[in-house]
Amino acid sequence: MASHPQLRASWQQKLDNQQASGLSITAWCVQQDIRPQTFYYWRKRLALSTPAAPMPPWVALTPTREADSRLILRVGQVAIEVMDGFAPHLLAEVLTVLESRC
């Protein structure tokens, strides 16, 4: 019988193989003669024991005041440009909509 680290490595390889196969989990498990419940058990077990990716460090921003002060927020392909004199309630509404969709 395989040792614990070998068993974990074996299942990680199986999880990787399934993902690379392009098949659904059920179809891949049938093809590999593995019970889907066993697959899901190991996926959860390995996910819980894998340390999360480190968060990127915060970057300090030093605001500058110019005649044309503006702020551009970019998230993926979405960009929001906030100019001097903006309506705070409108920005709050836009952020609420974006938050509900992300």
C-alpha atoms as a PDB file:
ATOM      1  CA  MET A   1       0.000   0.000   0.000  1.00  0.00           C
ATOM      2  CA  ALA A   2       1.253   3.507  -0.823  1.00  0.00           C
ATOM      3  CA  SER A   3       2.451   5.811   1.923  1.00  0.00           C
ATOM      4  CA  HIS A   4       0.363   8.855   2.800  1.00  0.00           C
ATOM      5  CA  PRO A   5       2.493  11.335   0.761  1.00  0.00           C
ATOM      6  CA  GLN A   6       2.510   8.939  -2.204  1.00  0.00           C
ATOM      7  CA  LEU A   7      -1.267   8.510  -2.001  1.00  0.00           C
ATOM      8  CA  ARG A   8      -1.768  12.269  -1.865  1.00  0.00           C
ATOM      9  CA  ALA A   9       0.566  12.752  -4.850  1.00  0.00           C
ATOM     10  CA  SER A  10      -1.242  10.017  -6.765  1.00  0.00           C
ATOM     11  CA  TRP A  11      -4.617  11.665  -6.193  1.00  0.00           C
ATOM     12  CA  GLN A  12      -3.282  15.104  -7.060  1.00  0.00           C
ATOM     13  CA  GLN A  13      -2.098  13.649 -10.359  1.00  0.00           C
ATOM     14  CA  LYS A  14      -5.552  12.147 -10.930  1.00  0.00           C
ATOM     15  CA  LEU A  15      -7.221  15.498 -10.235  1.00  0.00           C
ATOM     16  CA  ASP A  16      -4.837  17.202 -12.649  1.00  0.00           C
ATOM     17  CA  ASN A  17      -5.448  14.526 -15.297  1.00  0.00           C
ATOM     18  CA  GLN A  18      -9.218  14.942 -15.026  1.00  0.00           C
ATOM     19  CA  GLN A  19      -8.984  18.696 -15.417  1.00  0.00           C
ATOM     20  CA  ALA A  20      -6.656  18.391 -18.413  1.00  0.00           C
ATOM     21  CA  SER A  21      -8.899  15.771 -20.040  1.00  0.00           C
ATOM     22  CA  GLY A  22     -11.717  18.188 -20.762  1.00  0.00           C
ATOM     23  CA  LEU A  23     -14.192  15.544 -19.605  1.00  0.00           C
ATOM     24  CA  SER A  24     -16.752  16.071 -16.898  1.00  0.00           C
ATOM     25  CA  ILE A  25     -15.825  14.567 -13.550  1.00  0.00           C
ATOM     26  CA  THR A  26     -18.472  11.874 -13.938  1.00  0.00           C
ATOM     27  CA  ALA A  27     -17.351  10.906 -17.457  1.00  0.00           C
ATOM     28  CA  TRP A  28     -13.683  10.860 -16.436  1.00  0.00           C
ATOM     29  CA  CYS A  29     -14.429   8.749 -13.352  1.00  0.00           C
ATOM     30  CA  VAL A  30     -16.392   6.217 -15.431  1.00  0.00           C
ATOM     31  CA  GLN A  31     -13.497   6.055 -17.896  1.00  0.00           C
ATOM     32  CA  GLN A  32     -10.997   5.535 -15.054  1.00  0.00           C
ATOM     33  CA  ASP A  33     -13.217   3.152 -13.053  1.00  0.00           C
ATOM     34  CA  ILE A  34     -13.219   5.514 -10.063  1.00  0.00           C
ATOM     35  CA  ARG A  35     -16.287   6.280  -7.956  1.00  0.00           C
ATOM     36  CA  PRO A  36     -17.187   9.976  -8.335  1.00  0.00           C
ATOM     37  CA  GLN A  37     -17.712  10.198  -4.550  1.00  0.00           C
ATOM     38  CA  THR A  38     -14.086   9.114  -4.046  1.00  0.00           C
ATOM     39  CA  PHE A  39     -12.909  11.709  -6.548  1.00  0.00           C
ATOM     40  CA  TYR A  40     -14.848  14.477  -4.781  1.00  0.00           C
ATOM     41  CA  TYR A  41     -13.545  13.317  -1.384  1.00  0.00           C
ATOM     42  CA  TRP A  42      -9.936  13.617  -2.521  1.00  0.00           C
ATOM     43  CA  ARG A  43     -10.529  16.927  -4.300  1.00  0.00           C
ATOM     44  CA  LYS A  44     -11.910  18.412  -1.093  1.00  0.00           C
ATOM     45  CA  ARG A  45      -9.247  16.814   1.097  1.00  0.00           C
ATOM     46  CA  LEU A  46      -6.385  18.097  -1.051  1.00  0.00           C
ATOM     47  CA  ALA A  47      -7.943  21.551  -1.393  1.00  0.00           C
ATOM     48  CA  LEU A  48      -8.239  21.865   2.390  1.00  0.00           C
ATOM     49  CA  SER A  49      -4.624  20.880   2.927  1.00  0.00           C
ATOM     50  CA  THR A  50      -3.187  23.075   0.173  1.00  0.00           C
ATOM     51  CA  PRO A  51      -2.068  26.448   1.464  1.00  0.00           C
ATOM     52  CA  ALA A  52      -3.828  29.354  -0.160  1.00  0.00           C
ATOM     53  CA  ALA A  53      -1.860  31.505  -2.561  1.00  0.00           C
ATOM     54  CA  PRO A  54      -0.327  34.458  -0.746  1.00  0.00           C
ATOM     55  CA  MET A  55      -2.199  37.704  -1.060  1.00  0.00           C
ATOM     56  CA  PRO A  56      -0.368  40.363  -3.043  1.00  0.00           C
ATOM     57  CA  PRO A  57       1.046  43.072  -0.812  1.00  0.00           C
ATOM     58  CA  TRP A  58      -0.852  46.306  -0.465  1.00  0.00           C
ATOM     59  CA  VAL A  59       0.664  49.203  -2.291  1.00  0.00           C
ATOM     60  CA  ALA A  60       0.776  52.592  -0.623  1.00  0.00           C
ATOM     61  CA  LEU A  61      -0.602  55.350  -2.814  1.00  0.00           C
ATOM     62  CA  THR A  62       0.381  58.948  -2.459  1.00  0.00           C
ATOM     63  CA  PRO A  63      -2.379  61.156  -3.814  1.00  0.00           C
ATOM     64  CA  THR A  64      -1.419  64.182  -5.824  1.00  0.00           C
ATOM     65  CA  ARG A  65      -3.649  67.111  -6.500  1.00  0.00           C
ATOM     66  CA  GLU A  66      -3.717  68.373 -10.048  1.00  0.00           C
ATOM     67  CA  ALA A  67      -6.076  70.645 -11.924  1.00  0.00           C
ATOM     68  CA  ASP A  68      -7.455  67.560 -13.708  1.00  0.00           C
ATOM     69  CA  SER A  69      -7.680  65.174 -10.742  1.00  0.00           C
ATOM     70  CA  ARG A  70      -9.224  61.827 -11.550  1.00  0.00           C
ATOM     71  CA  LEU A  71      -9.184  58.246 -10.418  1.00  0.00           C
ATOM     72  CA  ILE A  72      -9.458  55.266 -12.738  1.00  0.00           C
ATOM     73  CA  LEU A  73     -10.506  51.937 -11.231  1.00  0.00           C
ATOM     74  CA  ARG A  74      -9.786  48.888 -13.406  1.00  0.00           C
ATOM     75  CA  VAL A  75     -11.042  45.379 -12.711  1.00  0.00           C
ATOM     76  CA  GLY A  76     -10.503  43.010 -15.607  1.00  0.00           C
ATOM     77  CA  GLN A  77     -11.943  44.711 -18.678  1.00  0.00           C
ATOM     78  CA  VAL A  78     -14.054  47.142 -16.662  1.00  0.00           C
ATOM     79  CA  ALA A  79     -12.757  50.659 -16.047  1.00  0.00           C
ATOM     80  CA  ILE A  80     -14.479  53.342 -13.982  1.00  0.00           C
ATOM     81  CA  GLU A  81     -13.165  56.884 -14.248  1.00  0.00           C
ATOM     82  CA  VAL A  82     -13.990  59.151 -11.310  1.00  0.00           C
ATOM     83  CA  MET A  83     -13.462  62.865 -11.870  1.00  0.00           C
ATOM     84  CA  ASP A  84     -13.509  65.793  -9.468  1.00  0.00           C
ATOM     85  CA  GLY A  85     -17.066  66.696  -8.566  1.00  0.00           C
ATOM     86  CA  PHE A  86     -18.432  63.159  -9.047  1.00  0.00           C
ATOM     87  CA  ALA A  87     -21.676  62.118  -7.374  1.00  0.00           C
ATOM     88  CA  PRO A  88     -20.724  59.751  -4.507  1.00  0.00           C
ATOM     89  CA  HIS A  89     -24.157  58.077  -4.521  1.00  0.00           C
ATOM     90  CA  LEU A  90     -23.765  57.231  -8.226  1.00  0.00           C
ATOM     91  CA  LEU A  91     -20.359  55.638  -7.630  1.00  0.00           C
ATOM     92  CA  ALA A  92     -21.819  53.664  -4.706  1.00  0.00           C
ATOM     93  CA  GLU A  93     -24.648  52.393  -6.944  1.00  0.00           C
ATOM     94  CA  VAL A  94     -22.210  51.372  -9.689  1.00  0.00           C
ATOM     95  CA  LEU A  95     -20.002  49.528  -7.190  1.00  0.00           C
ATOM     96  CA  THR A  96     -23.033  47.743  -5.728  1.00  0.00           C
ATOM     97  CA  VAL A  97     -24.011  46.495  -9.185  1.00  0.00           C
ATOM     98  CA  LEU A  98     -20.455  45.355  -9.950  1.00  0.00           C
ATOM     99  CA  GLU A  99     -20.153  43.642  -6.573  1.00  0.00           C
ATOM    100  CA  SER A 100     -23.345  41.664  -7.181  1.00  0.00           C
ATOM    101  CA  ARG A 101     -21.966  40.353 -10.481  1.00  0.00           C
ATOM    102  CA  CYS A 102     -18.452  39.435  -9.369  1.00  0.00           C
END
